[in-house]
Amino acid sequence: MENTNECQSCQMTMAELSEFGTNADGSRSEEYCCYCWENGAFLEPNQTLEGAIESNIPYLIEYGMAKTEDEAREMLQETMPVLKRWVL
């Protein structure tokens, strides 16, 4: 898979085939990553937007996208609410 997609739940960049989630029919999801979507369903179906933001803070810091928790939280609060999972 050559295209790079962004997970519409957690905002993870998906470039490798293994990073894409799976649909109920076994095909790869173009919208959700393997950490959010498996067999056509969310792995954490009751997760809230606020919970998703908090759980993603460490990853922004780990990958150098933010220096502090507050900076990461602010970035996520600006970008995640417009993702497909949270708009519906």
C-alpha atoms as a PDB file:
ATOM      1  CA  MET A   1       0.000   0.000   0.000  1.00  0.00           C
ATOM      2  CA  GLU A   2       1.666   3.202  -1.134  1.00  0.00           C
ATOM      3  CA  ASN A   3      -0.733   5.800   0.207  1.00  0.00           C
ATOM      4  CA  THR A   4      -0.291   7.208   3.679  1.00  0.00           C
ATOM      5  CA  ASN A   5      -3.523   7.572   5.587  1.00  0.00           C
ATOM      6  CA  GLU A   6      -4.359   9.019   8.962  1.00  0.00           C
ATOM      7  CA  CYS A   7      -6.471   6.990  11.368  1.00  0.00           C
ATOM      8  CA  GLN A   8      -9.845   8.649  11.768  1.00  0.00           C
ATOM      9  CA  SER A   9      -9.952   7.661  15.426  1.00  0.00           C
ATOM     10  CA  CYS A  10      -6.482   8.260  16.910  1.00  0.00           C
ATOM     11  CA  GLN A  11      -4.763  10.221  14.131  1.00  0.00           C
ATOM     12  CA  MET A  12      -1.912   7.725  13.755  1.00  0.00           C
ATOM     13  CA  THR A  13      -0.202   7.859  10.372  1.00  0.00           C
ATOM     14  CA  MET A  14      -0.645   4.537   8.580  1.00  0.00           C
ATOM     15  CA  ALA A  15       1.956   3.823   5.924  1.00  0.00           C
ATOM     16  CA  GLU A  16       2.648   0.098   6.274  1.00  0.00           C
ATOM     17  CA  LEU A  17      -0.039  -2.449   5.416  1.00  0.00           C
ATOM     18  CA  SER A  18       0.252  -3.913   8.916  1.00  0.00           C
ATOM     19  CA  GLU A  19      -0.754  -0.556  10.429  1.00  0.00           C
ATOM     20  CA  PHE A  20      -4.204  -0.561   8.831  1.00  0.00           C
ATOM     21  CA  GLY A  21      -7.125  -2.042  10.757  1.00  0.00           C
ATOM     22  CA  THR A  22      -9.295  -4.817   9.353  1.00  0.00           C
ATOM     23  CA  ASN A  23     -12.914  -4.768   8.231  1.00  0.00           C
ATOM     24  CA  ALA A  24     -15.424  -7.511   9.023  1.00  0.00           C
ATOM     25  CA  ASP A  25     -14.756  -9.136   5.627  1.00  0.00           C
ATOM     26  CA  GLY A  26     -10.998  -9.269   6.323  1.00  0.00           C
ATOM     27  CA  SER A  27     -10.094  -6.397   4.004  1.00  0.00           C
ATOM     28  CA  ARG A  28      -7.920  -3.537   5.207  1.00  0.00           C
ATOM     29  CA  SER A  29      -9.636  -0.423   6.492  1.00  0.00           C
ATOM     30  CA  GLU A  30      -8.587   2.779   4.772  1.00  0.00           C
ATOM     31  CA  GLU A  31      -9.943   4.832   7.697  1.00  0.00           C
ATOM     32  CA  TYR A  32      -8.792   3.205  10.929  1.00  0.00           C
ATOM     33  CA  CYS A  33      -5.513   1.785  12.237  1.00  0.00           C
ATOM     34  CA  CYS A  34      -4.865  -1.665  13.662  1.00  0.00           C
ATOM     35  CA  TYR A  35      -4.845  -0.258  17.221  1.00  0.00           C
ATOM     36  CA  CYS A  36      -8.374   1.160  16.881  1.00  0.00           C
ATOM     37  CA  TRP A  37     -10.197  -1.135  14.417  1.00  0.00           C
ATOM     38  CA  GLU A  38     -10.281  -4.924  14.103  1.00  0.00           C
ATOM     39  CA  ASN A  39     -12.755  -7.204  12.326  1.00  0.00           C
ATOM     40  CA  GLY A  40     -14.995  -4.241  11.508  1.00  0.00           C
ATOM     41  CA  ALA A  41     -15.320  -2.870  15.041  1.00  0.00           C
ATOM     42  CA  PHE A  42     -13.555  -0.502  17.389  1.00  0.00           C
ATOM     43  CA  LEU A  43     -11.291  -2.260  19.877  1.00  0.00           C
ATOM     44  CA  GLU A  44     -12.448   0.195  22.546  1.00  0.00           C
ATOM     45  CA  PRO A  45     -16.064   0.887  21.569  1.00  0.00           C
ATOM     46  CA  ASN A  46     -16.850   2.872  24.724  1.00  0.00           C
ATOM     47  CA  GLN A  47     -13.824   5.144  24.520  1.00  0.00           C
ATOM     48  CA  THR A  48     -14.610   8.844  24.666  1.00  0.00           C
ATOM     49  CA  LEU A  49     -12.857  11.595  22.759  1.00  0.00           C
ATOM     50  CA  GLU A  50     -11.400  12.842  26.039  1.00  0.00           C
ATOM     51  CA  GLY A  51     -10.089   9.362  26.831  1.00  0.00           C
ATOM     52  CA  ALA A  52      -8.554   9.039  23.387  1.00  0.00           C
ATOM     53  CA  ILE A  53      -6.822  12.387  23.784  1.00  0.00           C
ATOM     54  CA  GLU A  54      -5.372  11.414  27.155  1.00  0.00           C
ATOM     55  CA  SER A  55      -4.181   8.007  25.928  1.00  0.00           C
ATOM     56  CA  ASN A  56      -2.415   9.560  22.922  1.00  0.00           C
ATOM     57  CA  ILE A  57      -0.467  12.197  24.866  1.00  0.00           C
ATOM     58  CA  PRO A  58       2.502   9.893  25.612  1.00  0.00           C
ATOM     59  CA  TYR A  59       2.879   9.008  21.927  1.00  0.00           C
ATOM     60  CA  LEU A  60       3.183  12.646  20.846  1.00  0.00           C
ATOM     61  CA  ILE A  61       5.925  13.138  23.419  1.00  0.00           C
ATOM     62  CA  GLU A  62       7.662   9.837  22.567  1.00  0.00           C
ATOM     63  CA  TYR A  63       7.805  10.670  18.850  1.00  0.00           C
ATOM     64  CA  GLY A  64       8.968  14.235  19.459  1.00  0.00           C
ATOM     65  CA  MET A  65       5.779  15.919  18.269  1.00  0.00           C
ATOM     66  CA  ALA A  66       5.309  17.658  21.630  1.00  0.00           C
ATOM     67  CA  LYS A  67       7.631  18.428  24.519  1.00  0.00           C
ATOM     68  CA  THR A  68       5.161  18.475  27.399  1.00  0.00           C
ATOM     69  CA  GLU A  69       1.866  16.831  28.293  1.00  0.00           C
ATOM     70  CA  ASP A  70       0.112  20.188  28.145  1.00  0.00           C
ATOM     71  CA  GLU A  71       1.481  20.880  24.670  1.00  0.00           C
ATOM     72  CA  ALA A  72       0.442  17.425  23.466  1.00  0.00           C
ATOM     73  CA  ARG A  73      -3.020  17.749  25.000  1.00  0.00           C
ATOM     74  CA  GLU A  74      -3.559  21.122  23.337  1.00  0.00           C
ATOM     75  CA  MET A  75      -2.503  19.748  19.947  1.00  0.00           C
ATOM     76  CA  LEU A  76      -4.822  16.764  20.263  1.00  0.00           C
ATOM     77  CA  GLN A  77      -7.743  18.883  21.467  1.00  0.00           C
ATOM     78  CA  GLU A  78      -7.398  20.965  18.315  1.00  0.00           C
ATOM     79  CA  THR A  79      -7.061  18.127  15.819  1.00  0.00           C
ATOM     80  CA  MET A  80      -8.879  15.026  17.070  1.00  0.00           C
ATOM     81  CA  PRO A  81     -12.456  16.366  17.345  1.00  0.00           C
ATOM     82  CA  VAL A  82     -12.698  16.627  13.537  1.00  0.00           C
ATOM     83  CA  LEU A  83     -11.775  12.974  12.919  1.00  0.00           C
ATOM     84  CA  LYS A  84     -14.578  10.806  11.539  1.00  0.00           C
ATOM     85  CA  ARG A  85     -15.026   8.718  14.697  1.00  0.00           C
ATOM     86  CA  TRP A  86     -15.651  11.763  16.863  1.00  0.00           C
ATOM     87  CA  VAL A  87     -17.770  13.768  14.411  1.00  0.00           C
ATOM     88  CA  LEU A  88     -20.433  11.081  14.041  1.00  0.00           C
END
